[in-house]
Amino acid sequence: MSNNNKLIVQSSNSELTKAAHTLKTILGIKASRAAQRHASAMGYPSANHLIVAVKADSVEQDFDTYINILKSELMSNHQIELNDAMIGGLRESLTV
């Protein structure tokens, strides 16, 4: 099941906030932690780094890469395992 044509594109602070809220809701974690997990999955070391990057230009990440990083981060930091329903919700909410 490849989603190579699916991208997550973040081009404004409001889109970052929406993405973090989506993660918070789907995963049941705090907003600040959701923002950090989103930044990591987008390829940035912190939410602040991602905010600075988005202010300069839009940021893109392949959905499969995003999910692979997110799975690893969630298991090591929150002991949360992403299931198909969670992944489907994220795909629906985050991709273009």
PDB file of N, CA and C in Angstrom:
ATOM      1  N   MET A   1       0.852  -1.181   0.000  1.00  0.00           N
ATOM      2  CA  MET A   1       0.000   0.000   0.000  1.00  0.00           C
ATOM      3  C   MET A   1       0.896   1.241   0.000  1.00  0.00           C
ATOM      4  N   SER A   2       1.185   1.734  -1.176  1.00  0.00           N
ATOM      5  CA  SER A   2       2.063   2.889  -1.306  1.00  0.00           C
ATOM      6  C   SER A   2       1.258   4.156  -1.526  1.00  0.00           C
ATOM      7  N   ASN A   3       1.669   5.207  -0.857  1.00  0.00           N
ATOM      8  CA  ASN A   3       1.005   6.507  -0.988  1.00  0.00           C
ATOM      9  C   ASN A   3       1.999   7.539  -1.499  1.00  0.00           C
ATOM     10  N   ASN A   4       2.867   7.127  -2.437  1.00  0.00           N
ATOM     11  CA  ASN A   4       3.935   8.002  -2.887  1.00  0.00           C
ATOM     12  C   ASN A   4       3.438   9.323  -3.442  1.00  0.00           C
ATOM     13  N   ASN A   5       2.217   9.348  -3.964  1.00  0.00           N
ATOM     14  CA  ASN A   5       1.691  10.597  -4.506  1.00  0.00           C
ATOM     15  C   ASN A   5       1.072  11.485  -3.432  1.00  0.00           C
ATOM     16  N   LYS A   6       1.006  11.011  -2.215  1.00  0.00           N
ATOM     17  CA  LYS A   6       0.419  11.794  -1.128  1.00  0.00           C
ATOM     18  C   LYS A   6       1.492  12.604  -0.430  1.00  0.00           C
ATOM     19  N   LEU A   7       1.265  13.899  -0.328  1.00  0.00           N
ATOM     20  CA  LEU A   7       2.192  14.789   0.346  1.00  0.00           C
ATOM     21  C   LEU A   7       1.496  15.529   1.470  1.00  0.00           C
ATOM     22  N   ILE A   8       2.257  15.829   2.489  1.00  0.00           N
ATOM     23  CA  ILE A   8       1.816  16.751   3.532  1.00  0.00           C
ATOM     24  C   ILE A   8       2.513  18.069   3.218  1.00  0.00           C
ATOM     25  N   VAL A   9       1.741  19.109   3.001  1.00  0.00           N
ATOM     26  CA  VAL A   9       2.287  20.423   2.675  1.00  0.00           C
ATOM     27  C   VAL A   9       1.850  21.403   3.756  1.00  0.00           C
ATOM     28  N   GLN A  10       2.821  22.062   4.351  1.00  0.00           N
ATOM     29  CA  GLN A  10       2.554  23.050   5.388  1.00  0.00           C
ATOM     30  C   GLN A  10       3.081  24.392   4.895  1.00  0.00           C
ATOM     31  N   SER A  11       2.198  25.386   4.774  1.00  0.00           N
ATOM     32  CA  SER A  11       2.639  26.675   4.235  1.00  0.00           C
ATOM     33  C   SER A  11       2.251  27.863   5.106  1.00  0.00           C
ATOM     34  N   SER A  12       1.663  27.583   6.274  1.00  0.00           N
ATOM     35  CA  SER A  12       1.324  28.683   7.178  1.00  0.00           C
ATOM     36  C   SER A  12       1.300  28.181   8.621  1.00  0.00           C
ATOM     37  N   ASN A  13       1.388  29.121   9.542  1.00  0.00           N
ATOM     38  CA  ASN A  13       1.339  28.781  10.958  1.00  0.00           C
ATOM     39  C   ASN A  13      -0.010  28.146  11.309  1.00  0.00           C
ATOM     40  N   SER A  14      -1.073  28.606  10.678  1.00  0.00           N
ATOM     41  CA  SER A  14      -2.392  28.029  10.972  1.00  0.00           C
ATOM     42  C   SER A  14      -2.470  26.568  10.517  1.00  0.00           C
ATOM     43  N   GLU A  15      -1.787  26.233   9.419  1.00  0.00           N
ATOM     44  CA  GLU A  15      -1.756  24.833   8.987  1.00  0.00           C
ATOM     45  C   GLU A  15      -0.968  23.973   9.974  1.00  0.00           C
ATOM     46  N   LEU A  16       0.104  24.526  10.532  1.00  0.00           N
ATOM     47  CA  LEU A  16       0.871  23.800  11.556  1.00  0.00           C
ATOM     48  C   LEU A  16       0.017  23.547  12.794  1.00  0.00           C
ATOM     49  N   THR A  17      -0.729  24.569  13.194  1.00  0.00           N
ATOM     50  CA  THR A  17      -1.605  24.440  14.364  1.00  0.00           C
ATOM     51  C   THR A  17      -2.675  23.384  14.109  1.00  0.00           C
ATOM     52  N   LYS A  18      -3.253  23.398  12.916  1.00  0.00           N
ATOM     53  CA  LYS A  18      -4.276  22.411  12.558  1.00  0.00           C
ATOM     54  C   LYS A  18      -3.696  21.000  12.585  1.00  0.00           C
ATOM     55  N   ALA A  19      -2.497  20.835  12.031  1.00  0.00           N
ATOM     56  CA  ALA A  19      -1.860  19.509  12.009  1.00  0.00           C
ATOM     57  C   ALA A  19      -1.587  19.014  13.424  1.00  0.00           C
ATOM     58  N   ALA A  20      -1.074  19.892  14.289  1.00  0.00           N
ATOM     59  CA  ALA A  20      -0.807  19.503  15.680  1.00  0.00           C
ATOM     60  C   ALA A  20      -2.105  19.139  16.395  1.00  0.00           C
ATOM     61  N   HIS A  21      -3.163  19.894  16.132  1.00  0.00           N
ATOM     62  CA  HIS A  21      -4.464  19.597  16.746  1.00  0.00           C
ATOM     63  C   HIS A  21      -4.980  18.238  16.263  1.00  0.00           C
ATOM     64  N   THR A  22      -4.795  17.956  14.981  1.00  0.00           N
ATOM     65  CA  THR A  22      -5.215  16.662  14.439  1.00  0.00           C
ATOM     66  C   THR A  22      -4.475  15.528  15.150  1.00  0.00           C
ATOM     67  N   LEU A  23      -3.158  15.667  15.300  1.00  0.00           N
ATOM     68  CA  LEU A  23      -2.387  14.641  16.009  1.00  0.00           C
ATOM     69  C   LEU A  23      -2.845  14.510  17.454  1.00  0.00           C
ATOM     70  N   LYS A  24      -3.049  15.635  18.110  1.00  0.00           N
ATOM     71  CA  LYS A  24      -3.507  15.633  19.505  1.00  0.00           C
ATOM     72  C   LYS A  24      -4.813  14.853  19.635  1.00  0.00           C
ATOM     73  N   THR A  25      -5.734  15.125  18.742  1.00  0.00           N
ATOM     74  CA  THR A  25      -7.049  14.484  18.779  1.00  0.00           C
ATOM     75  C   THR A  25      -6.976  12.990  18.480  1.00  0.00           C
ATOM     76  N   ILE A  26      -6.271  12.630  17.422  1.00  0.00           N
ATOM     77  CA  ILE A  26      -6.204  11.228  17.006  1.00  0.00           C
ATOM     78  C   ILE A  26      -5.388  10.382  17.985  1.00  0.00           C
ATOM     79  N   LEU A  27      -4.319  10.963  18.519  1.00  0.00           N
ATOM     80  CA  LEU A  27      -3.399  10.187  19.356  1.00  0.00           C
ATOM     81  C   LEU A  27      -3.632  10.327  20.847  1.00  0.00           C
ATOM     82  N   GLY A  28      -4.372  11.359  21.249  1.00  0.00           N
ATOM     83  CA  GLY A  28      -4.636  11.559  22.669  1.00  0.00           C
ATOM     84  C   GLY A  28      -3.411  12.009  23.441  1.00  0.00           C
ATOM     85  N   ILE A  29      -2.594  12.879  22.833  1.00  0.00           N
ATOM     86  CA  ILE A  29      -1.416  13.420  23.517  1.00  0.00           C
ATOM     87  C   ILE A  29      -1.553  14.933  23.636  1.00  0.00           C
ATOM     88  N   LYS A  30      -0.730  15.537  24.493  1.00  0.00           N
ATOM     89  CA  LYS A  30      -0.777  16.984  24.699  1.00  0.00           C
ATOM     90  C   LYS A  30      -0.444  17.727  23.408  1.00  0.00           C
ATOM     91  N   ALA A  31      -0.976  18.943  23.279  1.00  0.00           N
ATOM     92  CA  ALA A  31      -0.765  19.753  22.078  1.00  0.00           C
ATOM     93  C   ALA A  31       0.710  20.024  21.827  1.00  0.00           C
ATOM     94  N   SER A  32       1.465  20.345  22.871  1.00  0.00           N
ATOM     95  CA  SER A  32       2.896  20.642  22.695  1.00  0.00           C
ATOM     96  C   SER A  32       3.651  19.408  22.205  1.00  0.00           C
ATOM     97  N   ARG A  33       3.280  18.246  22.708  1.00  0.00           N
ATOM     98  CA  ARG A  33       3.921  17.004  22.262  1.00  0.00           C
ATOM     99  C   ARG A  33       3.494  16.666  20.841  1.00  0.00           C
ATOM    100  N   ALA A  34       2.246  16.930  20.517  1.00  0.00           N
ATOM    101  CA  ALA A  34       1.762  16.699  19.153  1.00  0.00           C
ATOM    102  C   ALA A  34       2.515  17.589  18.167  1.00  0.00           C
ATOM    103  N   ALA A  35       2.748  18.841  18.536  1.00  0.00           N
ATOM    104  CA  ALA A  35       3.491  19.762  17.676  1.00  0.00           C
ATOM    105  C   ALA A  35       4.925  19.261  17.469  1.00  0.00           C
ATOM    106  N   GLN A  36       5.540  18.753  18.521  1.00  0.00           N
ATOM    107  CA  GLN A  36       6.892  18.219  18.414  1.00  0.00           C
ATOM    108  C   GLN A  36       6.938  16.974  17.538  1.00  0.00           C
ATOM    109  N   ARG A  37       5.983  16.052  17.717  1.00  0.00           N
ATOM    110  CA  ARG A  37       5.945  14.834  16.900  1.00  0.00           C
ATOM    111  C   ARG A  37       5.710  15.191  15.435  1.00  0.00           C
ATOM    112  N   HIS A  38       4.859  16.181  15.174  1.00  0.00           N
ATOM    113  CA  HIS A  38       4.603  16.620  13.797  1.00  0.00           C
ATOM    114  C   HIS A  38       5.884  17.191  13.189  1.00  0.00           C
ATOM    115  N   ALA A  39       6.580  18.030  13.924  1.00  0.00           N
ATOM    116  CA  ALA A  39       7.823  18.621  13.426  1.00  0.00           C
ATOM    117  C   ALA A  39       8.846  17.533  13.106  1.00  0.00           C
ATOM    118  N   SER A  40       9.001  16.576  13.998  1.00  0.00           N
ATOM    119  CA  SER A  40       9.948  15.487  13.770  1.00  0.00           C
ATOM    120  C   SER A  40       9.591  14.708  12.517  1.00  0.00           C
ATOM    121  N   ALA A  41       8.322  14.381  12.368  1.00  0.00           N
ATOM    122  CA  ALA A  41       7.873  13.616  11.206  1.00  0.00           C
ATOM    123  C   ALA A  41       8.009  14.408   9.908  1.00  0.00           C
ATOM    124  N   MET A  42       7.989  15.740  10.025  1.00  0.00           N
ATOM    125  CA  MET A  42       8.202  16.596   8.855  1.00  0.00           C
ATOM    126  C   MET A  42       9.692  16.775   8.562  1.00  0.00           C
ATOM    127  N   GLY A  43      10.556  16.262   9.447  1.00  0.00           N
ATOM    128  CA  GLY A  43      11.992  16.309   9.221  1.00  0.00           C
ATOM    129  C   GLY A  43      12.722  17.427   9.939  1.00  0.00           C
ATOM    130  N   TYR A  44      12.119  17.994  10.969  1.00  0.00           N
ATOM    131  CA  TYR A  44      12.717  19.111  11.709  1.00  0.00           C
ATOM    132  C   TYR A  44      12.965  18.719  13.158  1.00  0.00           C
ATOM    133  N   PRO A  45      14.020  19.277  13.771  1.00  0.00           N
ATOM    134  CA  PRO A  45      14.363  18.887  15.142  1.00  0.00           C
ATOM    135  C   PRO A  45      13.403  19.402  16.218  1.00  0.00           C
ATOM    136  N   SER A  46      12.626  20.438  15.909  1.00  0.00           N
ATOM    137  CA  SER A  46      11.682  20.951  16.906  1.00  0.00           C
ATOM    138  C   SER A  46      10.537  21.676  16.208  1.00  0.00           C
ATOM    139  N   ALA A  47       9.479  21.913  16.962  1.00  0.00           N
ATOM    140  CA  ALA A  47       8.345  22.665  16.429  1.00  0.00           C
ATOM    141  C   ALA A  47       8.781  24.073  16.034  1.00  0.00           C
ATOM    142  N   ASN A  48       9.667  24.673  16.818  1.00  0.00           N
ATOM    143  CA  ASN A  48      10.150  26.019  16.495  1.00  0.00           C
ATOM    144  C   ASN A  48      10.920  26.045  15.180  1.00  0.00           C
ATOM    145  N   HIS A  49      11.740  25.036  14.925  1.00  0.00           N
ATOM    146  CA  HIS A  49      12.465  24.956  13.656  1.00  0.00           C
ATOM    147  C   HIS A  49      11.487  24.866  12.483  1.00  0.00           C
ATOM    148  N   LEU A  50      10.436  24.074  12.657  1.00  0.00           N
ATOM    149  CA  LEU A  50       9.435  23.933  11.595  1.00  0.00           C
ATOM    150  C   LEU A  50       8.702  25.250  11.369  1.00  0.00           C
ATOM    151  N   ILE A  51       8.364  25.959  12.433  1.00  0.00           N
ATOM    152  CA  ILE A  51       7.683  27.259  12.311  1.00  0.00           C
ATOM    153  C   ILE A  51       8.549  28.233  11.514  1.00  0.00           C
ATOM    154  N   VAL A  52       9.836  28.295  11.825  1.00  0.00           N
ATOM    155  CA  VAL A  52      10.752  29.187  11.111  1.00  0.00           C
ATOM    156  C   VAL A  52      10.819  28.803   9.630  1.00  0.00           C
ATOM    157  N   ALA A  53      10.897  27.505   9.353  1.00  0.00           N
ATOM    158  CA  ALA A  53      10.966  27.038   7.962  1.00  0.00           C
ATOM    159  C   ALA A  53       9.708  27.394   7.186  1.00  0.00           C
ATOM    160  N   VAL A  54       8.550  27.239   7.812  1.00  0.00           N
ATOM    161  CA  VAL A  54       7.281  27.539   7.147  1.00  0.00           C
ATOM    162  C   VAL A  54       7.132  29.036   6.893  1.00  0.00           C
ATOM    163  N   LYS A  55       7.664  29.854   7.793  1.00  0.00           N
ATOM    164  CA  LYS A  55       7.627  31.305   7.570  1.00  0.00           C
ATOM    165  C   LYS A  55       8.432  31.687   6.329  1.00  0.00           C
ATOM    166  N   ALA A  56       9.514  30.936   6.054  1.00  0.00           N
ATOM    167  CA  ALA A  56      10.362  31.218   4.896  1.00  0.00           C
ATOM    168  C   ALA A  56       9.754  30.687   3.599  1.00  0.00           C
ATOM    169  N   ASP A  57       9.157  29.496   3.662  1.00  0.00           N
ATOM    170  CA  ASP A  57       8.595  28.864   2.464  1.00  0.00           C
ATOM    171  C   ASP A  57       7.770  27.656   2.915  1.00  0.00           C
ATOM    172  N   SER A  58       6.947  27.140   2.015  1.00  0.00           N
ATOM    173  CA  SER A  58       6.165  25.966   2.396  1.00  0.00           C
ATOM    174  C   SER A  58       7.081  24.749   2.537  1.00  0.00           C
ATOM    175  N   VAL A  59       6.659  23.826   3.374  1.00  0.00           N
ATOM    176  CA  VAL A  59       7.430  22.624   3.687  1.00  0.00           C
ATOM    177  C   VAL A  59       6.600  21.421   3.264  1.00  0.00           C
ATOM    178  N   GLU A  60       7.253  20.443   2.623  1.00  0.00           N
ATOM    179  CA  GLU A  60       6.561  19.239   2.165  1.00  0.00           C
ATOM    180  C   GLU A  60       7.229  17.998   2.745  1.00  0.00           C
ATOM    181  N   GLN A  61       6.413  16.967   2.954  1.00  0.00           N
ATOM    182  CA  GLN A  61       6.923  15.667   3.376  1.00  0.00           C
ATOM    183  C   GLN A  61       6.049  14.593   2.743  1.00  0.00           C
ATOM    184  N   ASP A  62       6.679  13.550   2.244  1.00  0.00           N
ATOM    185  CA  ASP A  62       5.969  12.388   1.722  1.00  0.00           C
ATOM    186  C   ASP A  62       5.204  11.716   2.872  1.00  0.00           C
ATOM    187  N   PHE A  63       3.959  11.334   2.629  1.00  0.00           N
ATOM    188  CA  PHE A  63       3.129  10.777   3.702  1.00  0.00           C
ATOM    189  C   PHE A  63       3.728   9.498   4.287  1.00  0.00           C
ATOM    190  N   ASP A  64       4.249   8.602   3.439  1.00  0.00           N
ATOM    191  CA  ASP A  64       4.826   7.351   3.938  1.00  0.00           C
ATOM    192  C   ASP A  64       6.016   7.622   4.860  1.00  0.00           C
ATOM    193  N   THR A  65       6.869   8.564   4.461  1.00  0.00           N
ATOM    194  CA  THR A  65       8.022   8.934   5.288  1.00  0.00           C
ATOM    195  C   THR A  65       7.540   9.519   6.606  1.00  0.00           C
ATOM    196  N   TYR A  66       6.549  10.404   6.536  1.00  0.00           N
ATOM    197  CA  TYR A  66       5.962  11.024   7.726  1.00  0.00           C
ATOM    198  C   TYR A  66       5.485   9.947   8.703  1.00  0.00           C
ATOM    199  N   ILE A  67       4.728   8.987   8.196  1.00  0.00           N
ATOM    200  CA  ILE A  67       4.163   7.931   9.051  1.00  0.00           C
ATOM    201  C   ILE A  67       5.271   7.066   9.647  1.00  0.00           C
ATOM    202  N   ASN A  68       6.294   6.734   8.867  1.00  0.00           N
ATOM    203  CA  ASN A  68       7.387   5.910   9.392  1.00  0.00           C
ATOM    204  C   ASN A  68       8.110   6.605  10.540  1.00  0.00           C
ATOM    205  N   ILE A  69       8.391   7.892  10.381  1.00  0.00           N
ATOM    206  CA  ILE A  69       9.045   8.648  11.458  1.00  0.00           C
ATOM    207  C   ILE A  69       8.106   8.754  12.657  1.00  0.00           C
ATOM    208  N   LEU A  70       6.836   9.059  12.390  1.00  0.00           N
ATOM    209  CA  LEU A  70       5.853   9.216  13.460  1.00  0.00           C
ATOM    210  C   LEU A  70       5.688   7.920  14.257  1.00  0.00           C
ATOM    211  N   LYS A  71       5.622   6.784  13.572  1.00  0.00           N
ATOM    212  CA  LYS A  71       5.498   5.485  14.256  1.00  0.00           C
ATOM    213  C   LYS A  71       6.638   5.295  15.245  1.00  0.00           C
ATOM    214  N   SER A  72       7.850   5.549  14.787  1.00  0.00           N
ATOM    215  CA  SER A  72       9.027   5.374  15.633  1.00  0.00           C
ATOM    216  C   SER A  72       8.994   6.320  16.834  1.00  0.00           C
ATOM    217  N   GLU A  73       8.689   7.589  16.571  1.00  0.00           N
ATOM    218  CA  GLU A  73       8.635   8.594  17.641  1.00  0.00           C
ATOM    219  C   GLU A  73       7.556   8.253  18.682  1.00  0.00           C
ATOM    220  N   LEU A  74       6.398   7.855  18.202  1.00  0.00           N
ATOM    221  CA  LEU A  74       5.293   7.568  19.123  1.00  0.00           C
ATOM    222  C   LEU A  74       5.588   6.363  19.998  1.00  0.00           C
ATOM    223  N   MET A  75       6.211   5.343  19.401  1.00  0.00           N
ATOM    224  CA  MET A  75       6.512   4.148  20.187  1.00  0.00           C
ATOM    225  C   MET A  75       7.581   4.462  21.230  1.00  0.00           C
ATOM    226  N   SER A  76       8.639   5.178  20.841  1.00  0.00           N
ATOM    227  CA  SER A  76       9.724   5.425  21.790  1.00  0.00           C
ATOM    228  C   SER A  76       9.384   6.486  22.832  1.00  0.00           C
ATOM    229  N   ASN A  77       8.561   7.463  22.483  1.00  0.00           N
ATOM    230  CA  ASN A  77       8.272   8.558  23.409  1.00  0.00           C
ATOM    231  C   ASN A  77       6.941   8.436  24.151  1.00  0.00           C
ATOM    232  N   HIS A  78       5.975   7.736  23.578  1.00  0.00           N
ATOM    233  CA  HIS A  78       4.638   7.695  24.175  1.00  0.00           C
ATOM    234  C   HIS A  78       4.074   6.287  24.326  1.00  0.00           C
ATOM    235  N   GLN A  79       4.808   5.282  23.847  1.00  0.00           N
ATOM    236  CA  GLN A  79       4.334   3.900  23.853  1.00  0.00           C
ATOM    237  C   GLN A  79       2.959   3.790  23.174  1.00  0.00           C
ATOM    238  N   ILE A  80       2.815   4.525  22.079  1.00  0.00           N
ATOM    239  CA  ILE A  80       1.586   4.488  21.282  1.00  0.00           C
ATOM    240  C   ILE A  80       1.910   3.809  19.965  1.00  0.00           C
ATOM    241  N   GLU A  81       1.091   2.823  19.589  1.00  0.00           N
ATOM    242  CA  GLU A  81       1.259   2.158  18.306  1.00  0.00           C
ATOM    243  C   GLU A  81       0.187   2.663  17.349  1.00  0.00           C
ATOM    244  N   LEU A  82       0.626   3.171  16.201  1.00  0.00           N
ATOM    245  CA  LEU A  82      -0.322   3.666  15.202  1.00  0.00           C
ATOM    246  C   LEU A  82      -1.050   2.488  14.576  1.00  0.00           C
ATOM    247  N   ASN A  83      -2.379   2.553  14.543  1.00  0.00           N
ATOM    248  CA  ASN A  83      -3.144   1.513  13.863  1.00  0.00           C
ATOM    249  C   ASN A  83      -3.664   2.053  12.532  1.00  0.00           C
ATOM    250  N   ASP A  84      -4.286   1.198  11.742  1.00  0.00           N
ATOM    251  CA  ASP A  84      -4.754   1.596  10.408  1.00  0.00           C
ATOM    252  C   ASP A  84      -5.776   2.724  10.467  1.00  0.00           C
ATOM    253  N   ALA A  85      -6.632   2.724  11.482  1.00  0.00           N
ATOM    254  CA  ALA A  85      -7.637   3.784  11.610  1.00  0.00           C
ATOM    255  C   ALA A  85      -6.968   5.133  11.878  1.00  0.00           C
ATOM    256  N   MET A  86      -5.956   5.131  12.744  1.00  0.00           N
ATOM    257  CA  MET A  86      -5.226   6.371  13.033  1.00  0.00           C
ATOM    258  C   MET A  86      -4.516   6.885  11.774  1.00  0.00           C
ATOM    259  N   ILE A  87      -3.857   5.971  11.069  1.00  0.00           N
ATOM    260  CA  ILE A  87      -3.145   6.353   9.851  1.00  0.00           C
ATOM    261  C   ILE A  87      -4.126   6.891   8.820  1.00  0.00           C
ATOM    262  N   GLY A  88      -5.281   6.251   8.687  1.00  0.00           N
ATOM    263  CA  GLY A  88      -6.308   6.722   7.757  1.00  0.00           C
ATOM    264  C   GLY A  88      -6.795   8.124   8.115  1.00  0.00           C
ATOM    265  N   GLY A  89      -6.994   8.377   9.407  1.00  0.00           N
ATOM    266  CA  GLY A  89      -7.414   9.699   9.859  1.00  0.00           C
ATOM    267  C   GLY A  89      -6.368  10.757   9.569  1.00  0.00           C
ATOM    268  N   LEU A  90      -5.104  10.401   9.764  1.00  0.00           N
ATOM    269  CA  LEU A  90      -4.029  11.353   9.471  1.00  0.00           C
ATOM    270  C   LEU A  90      -3.926  11.600   7.962  1.00  0.00           C
ATOM    271  N   ARG A  91      -4.059  10.545   7.173  1.00  0.00           N
ATOM    272  CA  ARG A  91      -3.994  10.698   5.711  1.00  0.00           C
ATOM    273  C   ARG A  91      -5.116  11.631   5.237  1.00  0.00           C
ATOM    274  N   GLU A  92      -6.298  11.420   5.776  1.00  0.00           N
ATOM    275  CA  GLU A  92      -7.459  12.226   5.394  1.00  0.00           C
ATOM    276  C   GLU A  92      -7.272  13.706   5.780  1.00  0.00           C
ATOM    277  N   SER A  93      -6.715  13.933   6.961  1.00  0.00           N
ATOM    278  CA  SER A  93      -6.610  15.284   7.497  1.00  0.00           C
ATOM    279  C   SER A  93      -5.385  16.067   7.009  1.00  0.00           C
ATOM    280  N   LEU A  94      -4.283  15.365   6.734  1.00  0.00           N
ATOM    281  CA  LEU A  94      -3.021  16.064   6.505  1.00  0.00           C
ATOM    282  C   LEU A  94      -2.559  16.132   5.055  1.00  0.00           C
ATOM    283  N   THR A  95      -3.004  15.218   4.217  1.00  0.00           N
ATOM    284  CA  THR A  95      -2.440  15.181   2.859  1.00  0.00           C
ATOM    285  C   THR A  95      -3.229  16.005   1.864  1.00  0.00           C
ATOM    286  N   VAL A  96      -2.534  16.347   0.784  1.00  0.00           N
ATOM    287  CA  VAL A  96      -3.161  17.092  -0.317  1.00  0.00           C
ATOM    288  C   VAL A  96      -3.252  16.207  -1.540  1.00  0.00           C
TER     289      VAL A  96
END
